[in-house]
Each structure stands twice: as structure tokens, then as C-alpha cells.
Amino acid sequence: MALLRTFLLVCLTLGLAVPAAAQLTNKTYNLDVPDTDTLKKLKDGEHVIAAVETDRGKLEVRVRVKGKAVSDHRFLFP
């Protein structure tokens, strides 16, 4: 009886997982991120330097500028 329950649970899990996986797509998006040297001209603070609309929403690239120092690029779905 326990084996039958386990089998049914596995079948149900796979049955739900396969349609969800089928919805995933391999799309390519172009995101033009400016060169770090050009970012040094920005004022101090956080800046969105690039963005693109995707199926999951807007993808943004942000940096923080302090003086002439530019932080690492952060990729976010806000």
C-alpha cells in the first residue's frame, strides 16, 4: 500500500512538473551595457544604466557611483 502511495505521488509530481517545464523558452534579449569608463561621468548615487523588457518583466542593470568609483554591475528584476 505504501508503495502504491509513493508511486501515485511520483506520478502526480511529474505530471505537474512537465507542463511547467514546457512553458520555459529560450529567448535571446539584447542588453547594451555601457563601458565602465563612460559611467565615471555620472553623479554620485545609484543609476540604471541599461534595461530590457523580457517575458518575466523588465531586467535592469544598476551601478552605484561614488566619486570616480563605479560599483559592480547588478542585474535585477525590480
C-alpha atoms as a PDB file:
ATOM      1  CA  MET A   1       0.000   0.000   0.000  1.00  0.00           C
ATOM      2  CA  ALA A   2       2.832   2.419   0.835  1.00  0.00           C
ATOM      3  CA  LEU A   3       4.500   1.606  -2.463  1.00  0.00           C
ATOM      4  CA  LEU A   4       1.298   2.467  -4.312  1.00  0.00           C
ATOM      5  CA  ARG A   5       1.044   5.820  -2.483  1.00  0.00           C
ATOM      6  CA  THR A   6       4.653   6.627  -3.328  1.00  0.00           C
ATOM      7  CA  PHE A   7       4.089   5.704  -6.962  1.00  0.00           C
ATOM      8  CA  LEU A   8       0.977   7.905  -7.157  1.00  0.00           C
ATOM      9  CA  LEU A   9       2.829  10.806  -5.535  1.00  0.00           C
ATOM     10  CA  VAL A  10       5.706  10.498  -8.033  1.00  0.00           C
ATOM     11  CA  CYS A  11       3.265  10.349 -10.973  1.00  0.00           C
ATOM     12  CA  LEU A  12       1.401  13.408  -9.704  1.00  0.00           C
ATOM     13  CA  THR A  13       4.641  15.345  -9.178  1.00  0.00           C
ATOM     14  CA  LEU A  14       5.932  14.510 -12.655  1.00  0.00           C
ATOM     15  CA  GLY A  15       2.542  15.303 -14.161  1.00  0.00           C
ATOM     16  CA  LEU A  16       2.670  18.801 -12.683  1.00  0.00           C
ATOM     17  CA  ALA A  17       6.344  19.409 -13.436  1.00  0.00           C
ATOM     18  CA  VAL A  18       6.308  18.537 -17.145  1.00  0.00           C
ATOM     19  CA  PRO A  19       3.766  21.203 -18.244  1.00  0.00           C
ATOM     20  CA  ALA A  20       5.611  23.843 -16.204  1.00  0.00           C
ATOM     21  CA  ALA A  21       8.907  22.919 -17.863  1.00  0.00           C
ATOM     22  CA  ALA A  22       7.274  23.059 -21.289  1.00  0.00           C
ATOM     23  CA  GLN A  23       6.436  26.725 -20.710  1.00  0.00           C
ATOM     24  CA  LEU A  24      10.102  27.696 -20.440  1.00  0.00           C
ATOM     25  CA  THR A  25      11.512  29.272 -23.577  1.00  0.00           C
ATOM     26  CA  ASN A  26      14.996  30.003 -24.790  1.00  0.00           C
ATOM     27  CA  LYS A  27      14.750  33.573 -25.982  1.00  0.00           C
ATOM     28  CA  THR A  28      17.621  35.937 -26.559  1.00  0.00           C
ATOM     29  CA  TYR A  29      17.460  39.556 -25.469  1.00  0.00           C
ATOM     30  CA  ASN A  30      19.910  42.327 -26.312  1.00  0.00           C
ATOM     31  CA  LEU A  31      21.076  44.370 -23.359  1.00  0.00           C
ATOM     32  CA  ASP A  32      23.594  47.080 -24.223  1.00  0.00           C
ATOM     33  CA  VAL A  33      25.622  47.886 -21.111  1.00  0.00           C
ATOM     34  CA  PRO A  34      27.848  50.957 -21.436  1.00  0.00           C
ATOM     35  CA  ASP A  35      31.585  50.821 -20.823  1.00  0.00           C
ATOM     36  CA  THR A  36      32.699  51.472 -17.232  1.00  0.00           C
ATOM     37  CA  ASP A  37      34.855  54.446 -18.286  1.00  0.00           C
ATOM     38  CA  THR A  38      31.773  56.324 -19.509  1.00  0.00           C
ATOM     39  CA  LEU A  39      29.983  55.662 -16.201  1.00  0.00           C
ATOM     40  CA  LYS A  40      32.567  57.630 -14.228  1.00  0.00           C
ATOM     41  CA  LYS A  41      30.935  60.815 -15.578  1.00  0.00           C
ATOM     42  CA  LEU A  42      27.706  60.056 -13.685  1.00  0.00           C
ATOM     43  CA  LYS A  43      26.800  61.857 -10.454  1.00  0.00           C
ATOM     44  CA  ASP A  44      27.109  60.038  -7.143  1.00  0.00           C
ATOM     45  CA  GLY A  45      24.275  57.630  -6.412  1.00  0.00           C
ATOM     46  CA  GLU A  46      22.554  54.598  -7.899  1.00  0.00           C
ATOM     47  CA  HIS A  47      21.848  54.569 -11.630  1.00  0.00           C
ATOM     48  CA  VAL A  48      20.014  52.278 -14.041  1.00  0.00           C
ATOM     49  CA  ILE A  49      22.454  52.040 -16.940  1.00  0.00           C
ATOM     50  CA  ALA A  50      20.586  49.540 -19.128  1.00  0.00           C
ATOM     51  CA  ALA A  51      17.185  47.845 -19.269  1.00  0.00           C
ATOM     52  CA  VAL A  52      15.306  45.378 -21.455  1.00  0.00           C
ATOM     53  CA  GLU A  53      11.747  44.019 -21.392  1.00  0.00           C
ATOM     54  CA  THR A  54      11.595  40.226 -21.032  1.00  0.00           C
ATOM     55  CA  ASP A  55       8.811  37.683 -20.634  1.00  0.00           C
ATOM     56  CA  ARG A  56       9.416  37.859 -16.876  1.00  0.00           C
ATOM     57  CA  GLY A  57       9.317  41.661 -16.753  1.00  0.00           C
ATOM     58  CA  LYS A  58      11.884  44.401 -17.009  1.00  0.00           C
ATOM     59  CA  LEU A  59      15.523  43.418 -16.424  1.00  0.00           C
ATOM     60  CA  GLU A  60      17.680  46.336 -15.257  1.00  0.00           C
ATOM     61  CA  VAL A  61      21.404  46.778 -14.824  1.00  0.00           C
ATOM     62  CA  ARG A  62      22.289  49.097 -11.949  1.00  0.00           C
ATOM     63  CA  VAL A  63      25.509  50.551 -10.622  1.00  0.00           C
ATOM     64  CA  ARG A  64      26.442  52.803  -7.736  1.00  0.00           C
ATOM     65  CA  VAL A  65      28.792  55.688  -8.332  1.00  0.00           C
ATOM     66  CA  LYS A  66      30.792  57.409  -5.606  1.00  0.00           C
ATOM     67  CA  GLY A  67      33.397  59.893  -6.751  1.00  0.00           C
ATOM     68  CA  LYS A  68      35.028  58.241  -9.735  1.00  0.00           C
ATOM     69  CA  ALA A  69      34.442  54.714  -8.390  1.00  0.00           C
ATOM     70  CA  VAL A  70      31.774  52.583 -10.084  1.00  0.00           C
ATOM     71  CA  SER A  71      30.444  49.544  -8.217  1.00  0.00           C
ATOM     72  CA  ASP A  72      29.923  46.123  -9.764  1.00  0.00           C
ATOM     73  CA  HIS A  73      27.017  45.786 -12.166  1.00  0.00           C
ATOM     74  CA  ARG A  74      23.869  44.359 -10.545  1.00  0.00           C
ATOM     75  CA  PHE A  75      21.204  42.669 -12.670  1.00  0.00           C
ATOM     76  CA  LEU A  76      17.715  42.994 -11.173  1.00  0.00           C
ATOM     77  CA  PHE A  77      14.071  42.308 -11.916  1.00  0.00           C
ATOM     78  CA  PRO A  78      12.551  45.218  -9.938  1.00  0.00           C
END
